Amino acid sequence: MKSMKGEVMLNIPAEKAWEMYRDNDIITKINPDMLAAAEYIEGDGSPGSVRLFKLGPAVSSYVKESTEKIEKVETGRSITYQVIEGDLKKMYDPYKVTFSFMPVEGKEREKCVAEWKAEFELLNPTTPLPEKARDAALGFLKSFEKFKLSKQVI
């Protein structure tokens, strides 16, 4: 299986970033151009739950929606999904994504490293690597701190 990852430093605590990512109401307000809607269509966010992401106009030329089944949750730290429906499923199978939020040592109350990691198999040898998905995810994660600074958060 192939893999790809990327990370960004956020000027918010890992705990806050985790809460923002897990809350459907908040995550859809962070950057609506990238993520227009998120909802749990099965379950409550625990392993086995199914979450639907409808992506916004900034990324809709690449991916319009993705239905993901939650495989693993390390509370306050990381969540792993497997894409079960949507545009990415037509290009990669399997396609698993892990989002992690790790405190920066000595600055736990101020900063965290947000990481995106994908494991995948190409369905067609001419399918591009998911670099656009990585770049979009990292851009979206970086917008967490702008949203937090706007004082709209929890």
Protein backbone atom coordinates (compact mmCIF):
# COMPACT_ATOMS: atom_id res chain seq x y z
CA MET A 1 0.00 0.00 0.00
CA LYS A 2 1.22 3.49 -0.81
CA SER A 3 1.16 6.33 1.70
CA MET A 4 1.50 10.09 1.79
CA LYS A 5 1.46 12.58 4.64
CA GLY A 6 1.80 16.22 5.51
CA GLU A 7 1.59 18.40 8.57
CA VAL A 8 1.04 21.98 9.64
CA MET A 9 1.81 23.82 12.88
CA LEU A 10 -1.27 25.42 14.43
CA ASN A 11 -1.26 28.21 17.00
CA ILE A 12 -4.02 26.53 18.98
CA PRO A 13 -3.91 23.70 21.52
CA ALA A 14 -4.30 20.14 20.23
CA GLU A 15 -7.36 19.64 22.45
CA LYS A 16 -9.12 22.64 20.87
CA ALA A 17 -8.23 21.54 17.32
CA TRP A 18 -9.56 18.04 18.13
CA GLU A 19 -12.86 19.46 19.42
CA MET A 20 -13.22 21.63 16.31
CA TYR A 21 -12.56 18.70 13.96
CA ARG A 22 -15.04 16.39 15.69
CA ASP A 23 -17.94 18.89 15.88
CA ASN A 24 -19.99 18.91 12.64
CA ASP A 25 -21.44 22.37 13.31
CA ILE A 26 -18.05 23.95 13.90
CA ILE A 27 -16.10 22.12 11.18
CA THR A 28 -18.51 23.34 8.50
CA LYS A 29 -18.06 26.97 9.61
CA ILE A 30 -14.24 26.90 9.58
CA ASN A 31 -13.86 27.23 5.80
CA PRO A 32 -17.15 26.66 3.90
CA ASP A 33 -15.36 27.09 0.56
CA MET A 34 -13.50 23.86 1.34
CA LEU A 35 -16.02 21.94 3.47
CA ALA A 36 -19.68 22.81 2.95
CA ALA A 37 -21.27 20.13 5.19
CA ALA A 38 -20.40 17.29 7.54
CA GLU A 39 -22.79 14.91 9.23
CA TYR A 40 -22.77 11.56 10.92
CA ILE A 41 -25.20 9.46 8.90
CA GLU A 42 -24.62 6.45 11.15
CA GLY A 43 -23.38 6.49 14.72
CA ASP A 44 -21.98 9.22 16.94
CA GLY A 45 -18.37 9.55 15.85
CA SER A 46 -17.12 6.38 17.49
CA PRO A 47 -15.54 3.51 15.50
CA GLY A 48 -18.05 2.10 13.03
CA SER A 49 -19.76 5.48 12.55
CA VAL A 50 -20.20 6.82 9.03
CA ARG A 51 -19.56 10.53 8.31
CA LEU A 52 -20.50 12.30 5.08
CA PHE A 53 -18.39 15.25 3.93
CA LYS A 54 -19.74 17.54 1.19
CA LEU A 55 -16.91 19.65 -0.12
CA GLY A 56 -17.16 23.27 -1.12
CA PRO A 57 -16.40 25.12 -4.36
CA ALA A 58 -12.66 25.46 -3.64
CA VAL A 59 -12.15 21.70 -4.03
CA SER A 60 -15.26 20.52 -5.89
CA SER A 61 -13.38 20.28 -9.18
CA TYR A 62 -11.43 17.41 -7.58
CA VAL A 63 -13.80 15.86 -5.01
CA LYS A 64 -17.45 16.71 -4.39
CA GLU A 65 -18.21 14.39 -1.49
CA SER A 66 -16.79 11.57 0.52
CA THR A 67 -18.49 9.08 2.79
CA GLU A 68 -16.09 7.75 5.36
CA LYS A 69 -16.36 4.97 7.94
CA ILE A 70 -14.52 5.65 11.18
CA GLU A 71 -12.13 2.82 11.95
CA LYS A 72 -10.15 4.03 14.94
CA VAL A 73 -10.32 6.91 17.41
CA GLU A 74 -7.64 7.88 19.89
CA THR A 75 -9.62 10.46 21.83
CA GLY A 76 -8.06 13.90 21.75
CA ARG A 77 -5.38 12.72 19.39
CA SER A 78 -6.29 11.03 16.10
CA ILE A 79 -9.04 9.57 13.98
CA THR A 80 -8.77 7.15 11.06
CA TYR A 81 -11.38 6.85 8.31
CA GLN A 82 -11.79 4.54 5.35
CA VAL A 83 -13.50 6.10 2.35
CA ILE A 84 -16.48 3.89 1.47
CA GLU A 85 -18.24 6.08 -1.14
CA GLY A 86 -17.58 9.17 -3.20
CA ASP A 87 -15.12 10.53 -5.72
CA LEU A 88 -11.98 9.30 -3.95
CA LYS A 89 -13.33 5.73 -3.91
CA LYS A 90 -13.43 5.85 -7.72
CA MET A 91 -9.69 6.63 -7.84
CA TYR A 92 -8.25 4.72 -4.87
CA ASP A 93 -9.25 1.52 -3.08
CA PRO A 94 -8.60 1.28 -0.27
CA TYR A 95 -8.22 4.92 0.76
CA LYS A 96 -7.66 5.49 4.48
CA VAL A 97 -7.04 8.87 6.06
CA THR A 98 -5.78 9.68 9.54
CA PHE A 99 -5.99 13.15 11.06
CA SER A 100 -3.81 13.66 14.15
CA PHE A 101 -3.46 16.59 16.53
CA MET A 102 -0.30 16.45 18.65
CA PRO A 103 0.65 18.99 21.33
CA VAL A 104 3.99 20.76 20.88
CA GLU A 105 6.18 19.86 23.84
CA GLY A 106 6.58 22.80 26.20
CA LYS A 107 3.81 24.73 24.40
CA GLU A 108 0.92 22.29 24.95
CA ARG A 109 -1.51 25.08 25.81
CA GLU A 110 -0.60 27.15 22.76
CA LYS A 111 0.36 25.02 19.76
CA CYS A 112 -0.10 21.69 18.05
CA VAL A 113 1.01 19.83 14.97
CA ALA A 114 -1.92 18.76 12.82
CA GLU A 115 -1.08 15.85 10.53
CA TRP A 116 -2.88 14.31 7.55
CA LYS A 117 -1.85 10.85 6.43
CA ALA A 118 -3.34 8.72 3.65
CA GLU A 119 -2.80 5.07 2.81
CA PHE A 120 -4.12 4.02 -0.58
CA GLU A 121 -3.94 1.84 -3.66
CA LEU A 122 -4.38 3.33 -7.12
CA LEU A 123 -7.24 1.78 -9.09
CA ASN A 124 -5.59 2.80 -12.35
CA PRO A 125 -1.84 3.26 -12.89
CA THR A 126 -2.51 6.64 -14.53
CA THR A 127 -4.43 7.95 -11.49
CA PRO A 128 -2.43 10.74 -9.85
CA LEU A 129 -1.23 10.44 -6.28
CA PRO A 130 -3.62 12.21 -3.90
CA GLU A 131 -1.47 15.34 -3.65
CA LYS A 132 -4.49 17.60 -4.24
CA ALA A 133 -6.30 15.89 -1.35
CA ARG A 134 -3.24 16.35 0.88
CA ASP A 135 -2.85 20.02 -0.04
CA ALA A 136 -6.58 20.70 0.46
CA ALA A 137 -6.59 18.91 3.84
CA LEU A 138 -3.53 20.83 5.07
CA GLY A 139 -4.98 24.12 3.86
CA PHE A 140 -8.21 23.31 5.65
CA LEU A 141 -6.36 22.43 8.88
CA LYS A 142 -4.41 25.69 8.69
CA SER A 143 -7.71 27.60 8.56
CA PHE A 144 -8.53 26.25 12.06
CA GLU A 145 -6.39 28.93 13.71
CA LYS A 146 -7.95 31.75 11.66
CA PHE A 147 -11.38 30.54 12.71
CA LYS A 148 -10.29 30.28 16.34
CA LEU A 149 -8.90 33.84 16.23
CA SER A 150 -12.22 35.12 14.93
CA LYS A 151 -13.63 34.17 18.36
CA GLN A 152 -16.39 32.03 16.86
CA VAL A 153 -15.22 28.92 18.62
CA ILE A 154 -16.42 26.94 21.61
